[in-house]
Amino acid sequence: MENQQQQQIRFMLHAWRENAIARLGFTPDQVDYCARHSIVMHDIFIDAIARAAPGIRCLEDFHAVAYYWKWIDQYGDEVYALIRNYLDTPKRLTEDVEAVSRKRVRCA
């Protein structure tokens, strides 16, 4: 059974998916492609937010999932631009996921 944080994360990713389709014209297949190839999806969000708001470097900087989501919402344009770039350049997605994964190890 999922714990509360897992449920919140699943709900947020579902909301992000629906918003990406409705707001930006992504197709469901594009969004699912991105999610499938982003096993560190949360770290990609963190990376995008860190670019927009220096000082926020890893998930541990966030005190609660709701606070984390507020940042994603506030910096949504940067996040969506990053995702759009990933969809347009799959090779770069792989490279950036690897880079973000390395950064995540340093944050832990």
PDB file of N, CA and C in Angstrom:
ATOM      1  N   MET A   1       0.841  -1.193   0.000  1.00  0.00           N
ATOM      2  CA  MET A   1       0.000   0.000   0.000  1.00  0.00           C
ATOM      3  C   MET A   1       0.881   1.250   0.000  1.00  0.00           C
ATOM      4  N   GLU A   2       0.496   2.235  -0.774  1.00  0.00           N
ATOM      5  CA  GLU A   2       1.276   3.460  -0.874  1.00  0.00           C
ATOM      6  C   GLU A   2       1.172   4.271   0.416  1.00  0.00           C
ATOM      7  N   ASN A   3       2.297   4.910   0.772  1.00  0.00           N
ATOM      8  CA  ASN A   3       2.205   5.838   1.890  1.00  0.00           C
ATOM      9  C   ASN A   3       1.694   7.181   1.375  1.00  0.00           C
ATOM     10  N   GLN A   4       1.461   8.117   2.290  1.00  0.00           N
ATOM     11  CA  GLN A   4       0.846   9.389   1.909  1.00  0.00           C
ATOM     12  C   GLN A   4       1.721  10.168   0.927  1.00  0.00           C
ATOM     13  N   GLN A   5       3.032  10.170   1.148  1.00  0.00           N
ATOM     14  CA  GLN A   5       3.906  10.923   0.248  1.00  0.00           C
ATOM     15  C   GLN A   5       3.887  10.320  -1.158  1.00  0.00           C
ATOM     16  N   GLN A   6       3.904   9.003  -1.263  1.00  0.00           N
ATOM     17  CA  GLN A   6       3.839   8.363  -2.576  1.00  0.00           C
ATOM     18  C   GLN A   6       2.535   8.713  -3.289  1.00  0.00           C
ATOM     19  N   GLN A   7       1.436   8.744  -2.539  1.00  0.00           N
ATOM     20  CA  GLN A   7       0.152   9.112  -3.133  1.00  0.00           C
ATOM     21  C   GLN A   7       0.183  10.552  -3.633  1.00  0.00           C
ATOM     22  N   GLN A   8       0.783  11.452  -2.833  1.00  0.00           N
ATOM     23  CA  GLN A   8       0.864  12.856  -3.233  1.00  0.00           C
ATOM     24  C   GLN A   8       1.705  13.013  -4.492  1.00  0.00           C
ATOM     25  N   ILE A   9       2.819  12.303  -4.546  1.00  0.00           N
ATOM     26  CA  ILE A   9       3.693  12.391  -5.716  1.00  0.00           C
ATOM     27  C   ILE A   9       2.967  11.862  -6.947  1.00  0.00           C
ATOM     28  N   ARG A  10       2.281  10.732  -6.796  1.00  0.00           N
ATOM     29  CA  ARG A  10       1.539  10.168  -7.928  1.00  0.00           C
ATOM     30  C   ARG A  10       0.460  11.146  -8.398  1.00  0.00           C
ATOM     31  N   PHE A  11      -0.230  11.771  -7.442  1.00  0.00           N
ATOM     32  CA  PHE A  11      -1.260  12.752  -7.791  1.00  0.00           C
ATOM     33  C   PHE A  11      -0.641  13.942  -8.519  1.00  0.00           C
ATOM     34  N   MET A  12       0.508  14.421  -8.036  1.00  0.00           N
ATOM     35  CA  MET A  12       1.154  15.574  -8.656  1.00  0.00           C
ATOM     36  C   MET A  12       1.605  15.254 -10.072  1.00  0.00           C
ATOM     37  N   LEU A  13       2.163  14.072 -10.267  1.00  0.00           N
ATOM     38  CA  LEU A  13       2.610  13.707 -11.610  1.00  0.00           C
ATOM     39  C   LEU A  13       1.420  13.575 -12.555  1.00  0.00           C
ATOM     40  N   HIS A  14       0.301  13.067 -12.034  1.00  0.00           N
ATOM     41  CA  HIS A  14      -0.904  12.994 -12.862  1.00  0.00           C
ATOM     42  C   HIS A  14      -1.371  14.405 -13.225  1.00  0.00           C
ATOM     43  N   ALA A  15      -1.362  15.309 -12.234  1.00  0.00           N
ATOM     44  CA  ALA A  15      -1.780  16.695 -12.492  1.00  0.00           C
ATOM     45  C   ALA A  15      -0.834  17.355 -13.490  1.00  0.00           C
ATOM     46  N   TRP A  16       0.477  17.094 -13.344  1.00  0.00           N
ATOM     47  CA  TRP A  16       1.455  17.661 -14.282  1.00  0.00           C
ATOM     48  C   TRP A  16       1.176  17.143 -15.692  1.00  0.00           C
ATOM     49  N   ARG A  17       0.875  15.851 -15.792  1.00  0.00           N
ATOM     50  CA  ARG A  17       0.608  15.249 -17.105  1.00  0.00           C
ATOM     51  C   ARG A  17      -0.604  15.912 -17.754  1.00  0.00           C
ATOM     52  N   GLU A  18      -1.681  16.046 -16.982  1.00  0.00           N
ATOM     53  CA  GLU A  18      -2.888  16.656 -17.532  1.00  0.00           C
ATOM     54  C   GLU A  18      -2.635  18.108 -17.929  1.00  0.00           C
ATOM     55  N   ASN A  19      -1.881  18.832 -17.113  1.00  0.00           N
ATOM     56  CA  ASN A  19      -1.579  20.234 -17.392  1.00  0.00           C
ATOM     57  C   ASN A  19      -0.694  20.361 -18.630  1.00  0.00           C
ATOM     58  N   ALA A  20       0.265  19.460 -18.762  1.00  0.00           N
ATOM     59  CA  ALA A  20       1.161  19.508 -19.920  1.00  0.00           C
ATOM     60  C   ALA A  20       0.383  19.286 -21.213  1.00  0.00           C
ATOM     61  N   ILE A  21      -0.618  18.430 -21.155  1.00  0.00           N
ATOM     62  CA  ILE A  21      -1.441  18.164 -22.339  1.00  0.00           C
ATOM     63  C   ILE A  21      -2.356  19.356 -22.627  1.00  0.00           C
ATOM     64  N   ALA A  22      -3.036  19.846 -21.586  1.00  0.00           N
ATOM     65  CA  ALA A  22      -4.032  20.908 -21.787  1.00  0.00           C
ATOM     66  C   ALA A  22      -3.389  22.266 -22.052  1.00  0.00           C
ATOM     67  N   ARG A  23      -2.354  22.591 -21.299  1.00  0.00           N
ATOM     68  CA  ARG A  23      -1.789  23.941 -21.360  1.00  0.00           C
ATOM     69  C   ARG A  23      -0.828  24.118 -22.518  1.00  0.00           C
ATOM     70  N   LEU A  24      -0.077  23.084 -22.811  1.00  0.00           N
ATOM     71  CA  LEU A  24       1.027  23.247 -23.753  1.00  0.00           C
ATOM     72  C   LEU A  24       0.853  22.486 -25.053  1.00  0.00           C
ATOM     73  N   GLY A  25      -0.215  21.724 -25.166  1.00  0.00           N
ATOM     74  CA  GLY A  25      -0.436  21.014 -26.408  1.00  0.00           C
ATOM     75  C   GLY A  25       0.421  19.775 -26.587  1.00  0.00           C
ATOM     76  N   PHE A  26       1.005  19.267 -25.496  1.00  0.00           N
ATOM     77  CA  PHE A  26       1.687  17.984 -25.587  1.00  0.00           C
ATOM     78  C   PHE A  26       0.650  16.914 -25.921  1.00  0.00           C
ATOM     79  N   THR A  27       1.062  15.901 -26.634  1.00  0.00           N
ATOM     80  CA  THR A  27       0.178  14.752 -26.801  1.00  0.00           C
ATOM     81  C   THR A  27       0.398  13.815 -25.614  1.00  0.00           C
ATOM     82  N   PRO A  28      -0.592  12.985 -25.279  1.00  0.00           N
ATOM     83  CA  PRO A  28      -0.374  12.021 -24.200  1.00  0.00           C
ATOM     84  C   PRO A  28       0.851  11.145 -24.450  1.00  0.00           C
ATOM     85  N   ASP A  29       1.087  10.756 -25.698  1.00  0.00           N
ATOM     86  CA  ASP A  29       2.257   9.930 -26.008  1.00  0.00           C
ATOM     87  C   ASP A  29       3.562  10.656 -25.700  1.00  0.00           C
ATOM     88  N   GLN A  30       3.621  11.957 -26.008  1.00  0.00           N
ATOM     89  CA  GLN A  30       4.836  12.723 -25.714  1.00  0.00           C
ATOM     90  C   GLN A  30       5.090  12.779 -24.213  1.00  0.00           C
ATOM     91  N   VAL A  31       4.039  13.041 -23.458  1.00  0.00           N
ATOM     92  CA  VAL A  31       4.194  13.137 -22.009  1.00  0.00           C
ATOM     93  C   VAL A  31       4.630  11.790 -21.444  1.00  0.00           C
ATOM     94  N   ASP A  32       4.005  10.720 -21.912  1.00  0.00           N
ATOM     95  CA  ASP A  32       4.356   9.394 -21.418  1.00  0.00           C
ATOM     96  C   ASP A  32       5.774   9.014 -21.826  1.00  0.00           C
ATOM     97  N   TYR A  33       6.184   9.412 -23.033  1.00  0.00           N
ATOM     98  CA  TYR A  33       7.556   9.167 -23.476  1.00  0.00           C
ATOM     99  C   TYR A  33       8.535   9.829 -22.510  1.00  0.00           C
ATOM    100  N   CYS A  34       8.244  11.079 -22.184  1.00  0.00           N
ATOM    101  CA  CYS A  34       9.128  11.809 -21.294  1.00  0.00           C
ATOM    102  C   CYS A  34       9.179  11.135 -19.926  1.00  0.00           C
ATOM    103  N   ALA A  35       8.031  10.767 -19.397  1.00  0.00           N
ATOM    104  CA  ALA A  35       7.990  10.130 -18.088  1.00  0.00           C
ATOM    105  C   ALA A  35       8.724   8.793 -18.104  1.00  0.00           C
ATOM    106  N   ARG A  36       8.535   8.011 -19.178  1.00  0.00           N
ATOM    107  CA  ARG A  36       9.193   6.704 -19.285  1.00  0.00           C
ATOM    108  C   ARG A  36      10.705   6.842 -19.314  1.00  0.00           C
ATOM    109  N   HIS A  37      11.185   7.884 -19.993  1.00  0.00           N
ATOM    110  CA  HIS A  37      12.618   8.044 -20.155  1.00  0.00           C
ATOM    111  C   HIS A  37      13.234   8.909 -19.069  1.00  0.00           C
ATOM    112  N   SER A  38      12.419   9.308 -18.099  1.00  0.00           N
ATOM    113  CA  SER A  38      12.915  10.152 -17.020  1.00  0.00           C
ATOM    114  C   SER A  38      12.723   9.435 -15.697  1.00  0.00           C
ATOM    115  N   ILE A  39      13.535   8.429 -15.479  1.00  0.00           N
ATOM    116  CA  ILE A  39      13.408   7.672 -14.243  1.00  0.00           C
ATOM    117  C   ILE A  39      13.763   8.543 -13.046  1.00  0.00           C
ATOM    118  N   VAL A  40      14.401   9.676 -13.317  1.00  0.00           N
ATOM    119  CA  VAL A  40      14.687  10.641 -12.262  1.00  0.00           C
ATOM    120  C   VAL A  40      13.876  11.909 -12.521  1.00  0.00           C
ATOM    121  N   MET A  41      12.584  11.728 -12.831  1.00  0.00           N
ATOM    122  CA  MET A  41      11.723  12.868 -13.159  1.00  0.00           C
ATOM    123  C   MET A  41      11.785  13.952 -12.093  1.00  0.00           C
ATOM    124  N   HIS A  42      11.747  13.571 -10.835  1.00  0.00           N
ATOM    125  CA  HIS A  42      11.780  14.572  -9.779  1.00  0.00           C
ATOM    126  C   HIS A  42      13.089  15.347  -9.807  1.00  0.00           C
ATOM    127  N   ASP A  43      14.169  14.663 -10.113  1.00  0.00           N
ATOM    128  CA  ASP A  43      15.459  15.340 -10.168  1.00  0.00           C
ATOM    129  C   ASP A  43      15.530  16.291 -11.350  1.00  0.00           C
ATOM    130  N   ILE A  44      14.847  15.964 -12.430  1.00  0.00           N
ATOM    131  CA  ILE A  44      14.798  16.884 -13.568  1.00  0.00           C
ATOM    132  C   ILE A  44      14.054  18.148 -13.161  1.00  0.00           C
ATOM    133  N   PHE A  45      12.959  17.995 -12.420  1.00  0.00           N
ATOM    134  CA  PHE A  45      12.261  19.173 -11.915  1.00  0.00           C
ATOM    135  C   PHE A  45      13.188  19.980 -11.008  1.00  0.00           C
ATOM    136  N   ILE A  46      13.860  19.291 -10.113  1.00  0.00           N
ATOM    137  CA  ILE A  46      14.765  19.979  -9.191  1.00  0.00           C
ATOM    138  C   ILE A  46      15.836  20.718  -9.977  1.00  0.00           C
ATOM    139  N   ASP A  47      16.378  20.083 -11.011  1.00  0.00           N
ATOM    140  CA  ASP A  47      17.415  20.713 -11.823  1.00  0.00           C
ATOM    141  C   ASP A  47      16.876  21.971 -12.494  1.00  0.00           C
ATOM    142  N   ALA A  48      15.664  21.893 -13.029  1.00  0.00           N
ATOM    143  CA  ALA A  48      15.073  23.070 -13.674  1.00  0.00           C
ATOM    144  C   ALA A  48      14.832  24.174 -12.660  1.00  0.00           C
ATOM    145  N   ILE A  49      14.358  23.804 -11.489  1.00  0.00           N
ATOM    146  CA  ILE A  49      14.098  24.799 -10.455  1.00  0.00           C
ATOM    147  C   ILE A  49      15.409  25.408  -9.972  1.00  0.00           C
ATOM    148  N   ALA A  50      16.439  24.587  -9.832  1.00  0.00           N
ATOM    149  CA  ALA A  50      17.734  25.096  -9.382  1.00  0.00           C
ATOM    150  C   ALA A  50      18.289  26.127 -10.352  1.00  0.00           C
ATOM    151  N   ARG A  51      18.024  25.930 -11.647  1.00  0.00           N
ATOM    152  CA  ARG A  51      18.473  26.914 -12.634  1.00  0.00           C
ATOM    153  C   ARG A  51      17.733  28.235 -12.450  1.00  0.00           C
ATOM    154  N   ALA A  52      16.450  28.140 -12.092  1.00  0.00           N
ATOM    155  CA  ALA A  52      15.636  29.343 -11.934  1.00  0.00           C
ATOM    156  C   ALA A  52      15.795  29.967 -10.548  1.00  0.00           C
ATOM    157  N   ALA A  53      16.081  29.155  -9.554  1.00  0.00           N
ATOM    158  CA  ALA A  53      16.170  29.637  -8.171  1.00  0.00           C
ATOM    159  C   ALA A  53      17.418  29.055  -7.521  1.00  0.00           C
ATOM    160  N   PRO A  54      18.586  29.676  -7.748  1.00  0.00           N
ATOM    161  CA  PRO A  54      19.831  29.165  -7.165  1.00  0.00           C
ATOM    162  C   PRO A  54      19.690  29.006  -5.653  1.00  0.00           C
ATOM    163  N   GLY A  55      20.300  27.966  -5.141  1.00  0.00           N
ATOM    164  CA  GLY A  55      20.200  27.685  -3.719  1.00  0.00           C
ATOM    165  C   GLY A  55      19.340  26.466  -3.440  1.00  0.00           C
ATOM    166  N   ILE A  56      18.488  26.112  -4.386  1.00  0.00           N
ATOM    167  CA  ILE A  56      17.689  24.900  -4.241  1.00  0.00           C
ATOM    168  C   ILE A  56      18.370  23.843  -5.090  1.00  0.00           C
ATOM    169  N   ARG A  57      18.989  22.891  -4.453  1.00  0.00           N
ATOM    170  CA  ARG A  57      19.870  21.978  -5.166  1.00  0.00           C
ATOM    171  C   ARG A  57      19.414  20.530  -5.189  1.00  0.00           C
ATOM    172  N   CYS A  58      18.623  20.110  -4.238  1.00  0.00           N
ATOM    173  CA  CYS A  58      18.217  18.710  -4.234  1.00  0.00           C
ATOM    174  C   CYS A  58      16.927  18.565  -3.451  1.00  0.00           C
ATOM    175  N   LEU A  59      16.319  17.423  -3.578  1.00  0.00           N
ATOM    176  CA  LEU A  59      15.009  17.196  -2.980  1.00  0.00           C
ATOM    177  C   LEU A  59      15.043  17.436  -1.476  1.00  0.00           C
ATOM    178  N   GLU A  60      16.166  17.185  -0.834  1.00  0.00           N
ATOM    179  CA  GLU A  60      16.270  17.370   0.602  1.00  0.00           C
ATOM    180  C   GLU A  60      16.099  18.828   1.005  1.00  0.00           C
ATOM    181  N   ASP A  61      16.249  19.762   0.050  1.00  0.00           N
ATOM    182  CA  ASP A  61      16.037  21.177   0.352  1.00  0.00           C
ATOM    183  C   ASP A  61      14.563  21.502   0.547  1.00  0.00           C
ATOM    184  N   PHE A  62      13.695  20.604   0.162  1.00  0.00           N
ATOM    185  CA  PHE A  62      12.261  20.843   0.273  1.00  0.00           C
ATOM    186  C   PHE A  62      11.729  20.142   1.515  1.00  0.00           C
ATOM    187  N   HIS A  63      10.925  20.867   2.289  1.00  0.00           N
ATOM    188  CA  HIS A  63      10.464  20.327   3.566  1.00  0.00           C
ATOM    189  C   HIS A  63       9.224  19.461   3.421  1.00  0.00           C
ATOM    190  N   ALA A  64       8.487  19.642   2.342  1.00  0.00           N
ATOM    191  CA  ALA A  64       7.267  18.857   2.151  1.00  0.00           C
ATOM    192  C   ALA A  64       6.950  18.777   0.673  1.00  0.00           C
ATOM    193  N   VAL A  65       6.234  17.764   0.281  1.00  0.00           N
ATOM    194  CA  VAL A  65       5.868  17.602  -1.118  1.00  0.00           C
ATOM    195  C   VAL A  65       5.058  18.799  -1.599  1.00  0.00           C
ATOM    196  N   ALA A  66       4.167  19.312  -0.757  1.00  0.00           N
ATOM    197  CA  ALA A  66       3.340  20.454  -1.162  1.00  0.00           C
ATOM    198  C   ALA A  66       4.208  21.676  -1.449  1.00  0.00           C
ATOM    199  N   TYR A  67       5.237  21.893  -0.630  1.00  0.00           N
ATOM    200  CA  TYR A  67       6.138  23.024  -0.841  1.00  0.00           C
ATOM    201  C   TYR A  67       6.902  22.836  -2.150  1.00  0.00           C
ATOM    202  N   TYR A  68       7.330  21.611  -2.388  1.00  0.00           N
ATOM    203  CA  TYR A  68       8.029  21.270  -3.626  1.00  0.00           C
ATOM    204  C   TYR A  68       7.144  21.575  -4.828  1.00  0.00           C
ATOM    205  N   TRP A  69       5.871  21.183  -4.729  1.00  0.00           N
ATOM    206  CA  TRP A  69       4.966  21.425  -5.845  1.00  0.00           C
ATOM    207  C   TRP A  69       4.746  22.914  -6.060  1.00  0.00           C
ATOM    208  N   LYS A  70       4.716  23.703  -4.990  1.00  0.00           N
ATOM    209  CA  LYS A  70       4.553  25.152  -5.125  1.00  0.00           C
ATOM    210  C   LYS A  70       5.693  25.724  -5.970  1.00  0.00           C
ATOM    211  N   TRP A  71       6.904  25.242  -5.763  1.00  0.00           N
ATOM    212  CA  TRP A  71       8.045  25.722  -6.557  1.00  0.00           C
ATOM    213  C   TRP A  71       7.909  25.314  -8.015  1.00  0.00           C
ATOM    214  N   ILE A  72       7.477  24.081  -8.240  1.00  0.00           N
ATOM    215  CA  ILE A  72       7.283  23.632  -9.622  1.00  0.00           C
ATOM    216  C   ILE A  72       6.246  24.515 -10.306  1.00  0.00           C
ATOM    217  N   ASP A  73       5.179  24.812  -9.580  1.00  0.00           N
ATOM    218  CA  ASP A  73       4.132  25.656 -10.142  1.00  0.00           C
ATOM    219  C   ASP A  73       4.659  27.061 -10.420  1.00  0.00           C
ATOM    220  N   GLN A  74       5.438  27.606  -9.488  1.00  0.00           N
ATOM    221  CA  GLN A  74       5.956  28.969  -9.641  1.00  0.00           C
ATOM    222  C   GLN A  74       6.928  29.068 -10.812  1.00  0.00           C
ATOM    223  N   TYR A  75       7.742  28.042 -10.994  1.00  0.00           N
ATOM    224  CA  TYR A  75       8.738  28.061 -12.062  1.00  0.00           C
ATOM    225  C   TYR A  75       8.333  27.153 -13.213  1.00  0.00           C
ATOM    226  N   GLY A  76       7.021  26.999 -13.385  1.00  0.00           N
ATOM    227  CA  GLY A  76       6.503  26.052 -14.368  1.00  0.00           C
ATOM    228  C   GLY A  76       7.001  26.286 -15.775  1.00  0.00           C
ATOM    229  N   ASP A  77       7.148  27.550 -16.186  1.00  0.00           N
ATOM    230  CA  ASP A  77       7.580  27.808 -17.561  1.00  0.00           C
ATOM    231  C   ASP A  77       8.959  27.230 -17.824  1.00  0.00           C
ATOM    232  N   GLU A  78       9.874  27.389 -16.859  1.00  0.00           N
ATOM    233  CA  GLU A  78      11.214  26.829 -17.016  1.00  0.00           C
ATOM    234  C   GLU A  78      11.169  25.306 -17.054  1.00  0.00           C
ATOM    235  N   VAL A  79      10.345  24.739 -16.189  1.00  0.00           N
ATOM    236  CA  VAL A  79      10.222  23.280 -16.161  1.00  0.00           C
ATOM    237  C   VAL A  79       9.676  22.769 -17.486  1.00  0.00           C
ATOM    238  N   TYR A  80       8.609  23.393 -17.979  1.00  0.00           N
ATOM    239  CA  TYR A  80       8.006  22.932 -19.223  1.00  0.00           C
ATOM    240  C   TYR A  80       8.949  23.140 -20.408  1.00  0.00           C
ATOM    241  N   ALA A  81       9.719  24.230 -20.382  1.00  0.00           N
ATOM    242  CA  ALA A  81      10.693  24.450 -21.457  1.00  0.00           C
ATOM    243  C   ALA A  81      11.743  23.348 -21.445  1.00  0.00           C
ATOM    244  N   LEU A  82      12.164  22.966 -20.258  1.00  0.00           N
ATOM    245  CA  LEU A  82      13.156  21.901 -20.144  1.00  0.00           C
ATOM    246  C   LEU A  82      12.588  20.583 -20.666  1.00  0.00           C
ATOM    247  N   ILE A  83      11.355  20.277 -20.285  1.00  0.00           N
ATOM    248  CA  ILE A  83      10.723  19.048 -20.765  1.00  0.00           C
ATOM    249  C   ILE A  83      10.560  19.090 -22.279  1.00  0.00           C
ATOM    250  N   ARG A  84      10.132  20.233 -22.807  1.00  0.00           N
ATOM    251  CA  ARG A  84       9.978  20.373 -24.262  1.00  0.00           C
ATOM    252  C   ARG A  84      11.316  20.109 -24.956  1.00  0.00           C
ATOM    253  N   ASN A  85      12.395  20.640 -24.408  1.00  0.00           N
ATOM    254  CA  ASN A  85      13.716  20.428 -24.988  1.00  0.00           C
ATOM    255  C   ASN A  85      14.077  18.943 -24.958  1.00  0.00           C
ATOM    256  N   TYR A  86      13.740  18.258 -23.878  1.00  0.00           N
ATOM    257  CA  TYR A  86      14.008  16.830 -23.789  1.00  0.00           C
ATOM    258  C   TYR A  86      13.243  16.062 -24.856  1.00  0.00           C
ATOM    259  N   LEU A  87      11.995  16.444 -25.059  1.00  0.00           N
ATOM    260  CA  LEU A  87      11.198  15.745 -26.064  1.00  0.00           C
ATOM    261  C   LEU A  87      11.768  15.950 -27.459  1.00  0.00           C
ATOM    262  N   ASP A  88      12.344  17.127 -27.690  1.00  0.00           N
ATOM    263  CA  ASP A  88      12.891  17.435 -29.008  1.00  0.00           C
ATOM    264  C   ASP A  88      14.254  16.797 -29.242  1.00  0.00           C
ATOM    265  N   THR A  89      14.978  16.490 -28.167  1.00  0.00           N
ATOM    266  CA  THR A  89      16.337  15.960 -28.311  1.00  0.00           C
ATOM    267  C   THR A  89      16.537  14.776 -27.362  1.00  0.00           C
ATOM    268  N   PRO A  90      16.081  13.588 -27.749  1.00  0.00           N
ATOM    269  CA  PRO A  90      16.174  12.427 -26.852  1.00  0.00           C
ATOM    270  C   PRO A  90      17.591  12.126 -26.376  1.00  0.00           C
ATOM    271  N   LYS A  91      18.593  12.346 -27.238  1.00  0.00           N
ATOM    272  CA  LYS A  91      19.967  12.065 -26.818  1.00  0.00           C
ATOM    273  C   LYS A  91      20.354  12.963 -25.652  1.00  0.00           C
ATOM    274  N   ARG A  92      19.951  14.227 -25.748  1.00  0.00           N
ATOM    275  CA  ARG A  92      20.266  15.150 -24.663  1.00  0.00           C
ATOM    276  C   ARG A  92      19.537  14.748 -23.386  1.00  0.00           C
ATOM    277  N   LEU A  93      18.331  14.222 -23.519  1.00  0.00           N
ATOM    278  CA  LEU A  93      17.598  13.743 -22.345  1.00  0.00           C
ATOM    279  C   LEU A  93      18.433  12.724 -21.595  1.00  0.00           C
ATOM    280  N   THR A  94      18.977  11.758 -22.316  1.00  0.00           N
ATOM    281  CA  THR A  94      19.785  10.726 -21.677  1.00  0.00           C
ATOM    282  C   THR A  94      20.988  11.340 -20.985  1.00  0.00           C
ATOM    283  N   GLU A  95      21.677  12.259 -21.665  1.00  0.00           N
ATOM    284  CA  GLU A  95      22.856  12.896 -21.077  1.00  0.00           C
ATOM    285  C   GLU A  95      22.485  13.699 -19.839  1.00  0.00           C
ATOM    286  N   ASP A  96      21.386  14.456 -19.909  1.00  0.00           N
ATOM    287  CA  ASP A  96      20.988  15.281 -18.779  1.00  0.00           C
ATOM    288  C   ASP A  96      20.498  14.437 -17.612  1.00  0.00           C
ATOM    289  N   VAL A  97      19.795  13.342 -17.905  1.00  0.00           N
ATOM    290  CA  VAL A  97      19.362  12.457 -16.827  1.00  0.00           C
ATOM    291  C   VAL A  97      20.577  11.906 -16.102  1.00  0.00           C
ATOM    292  N   GLU A  98      21.609  11.531 -16.859  1.00  0.00           N
ATOM    293  CA  GLU A  98      22.828  11.026 -16.229  1.00  0.00           C
ATOM    294  C   GLU A  98      23.488  12.109 -15.385  1.00  0.00           C
ATOM    295  N   ALA A  99      23.538  13.337 -15.898  1.00  0.00           N
ATOM    296  CA  ALA A  99      24.145  14.443 -15.156  1.00  0.00           C
ATOM    297  C   ALA A  99      23.357  14.741 -13.884  1.00  0.00           C
ATOM    298  N   VAL A 100      22.031  14.760 -14.003  1.00  0.00           N
ATOM    299  CA  VAL A 100      21.197  15.025 -12.837  1.00  0.00           C
ATOM    300  C   VAL A 100      21.331  13.890 -11.834  1.00  0.00           C
ATOM    301  N   SER A 101      21.455  12.664 -12.311  1.00  0.00           N
ATOM    302  CA  SER A 101      21.635  11.524 -11.414  1.00  0.00           C
ATOM    303  C   SER A 101      22.926  11.673 -10.619  1.00  0.00           C
ATOM    304  N   ARG A 102      23.990  12.114 -11.289  1.00  0.00           N
ATOM    305  CA  ARG A 102      25.259  12.323 -10.583  1.00  0.00           C
ATOM    306  C   ARG A 102      25.109  13.418  -9.531  1.00  0.00           C
ATOM    307  N   LYS A 103      24.401  14.494  -9.887  1.00  0.00           N
ATOM    308  CA  LYS A 103      24.175  15.580  -8.936  1.00  0.00           C
ATOM    309  C   LYS A 103      23.375  15.073  -7.742  1.00  0.00           C
ATOM    310  N   ARG A 104      22.402  14.206  -8.015  1.00  0.00           N
ATOM    311  CA  ARG A 104      21.558  13.671  -6.946  1.00  0.00           C
ATOM    312  C   ARG A 104      22.404  12.899  -5.946  1.00  0.00           C
ATOM    313  N   VAL A 105      23.364  12.148  -6.434  1.00  0.00           N
ATOM    314  CA  VAL A 105      24.234  11.390  -5.536  1.00  0.00           C
ATOM    315  C   VAL A 105      24.985  12.344  -4.614  1.00  0.00           C
ATOM    316  N   ARG A 106      25.449  13.469  -5.170  1.00  0.00           N
ATOM    317  CA  ARG A 106      26.167  14.446  -4.355  1.00  0.00           C
ATOM    318  C   ARG A 106      25.262  15.100  -3.318  1.00  0.00           C
ATOM    319  N   CYS A 107      23.965  15.236  -3.636  1.00  0.00           N
ATOM    320  CA  CYS A 107      23.027  15.869  -2.705  1.00  0.00           C
ATOM    321  C   CYS A 107      22.676  14.948  -1.545  1.00  0.00           C
ATOM    322  N   ALA A 108      22.735  13.659  -1.801  1.00  0.00           N
ATOM    323  CA  ALA A 108      22.265  12.700  -0.796  1.00  0.00           C
ATOM    324  C   ALA A 108      23.137  12.710   0.446  1.00  0.00           C
TER     325      ALA A 108
END
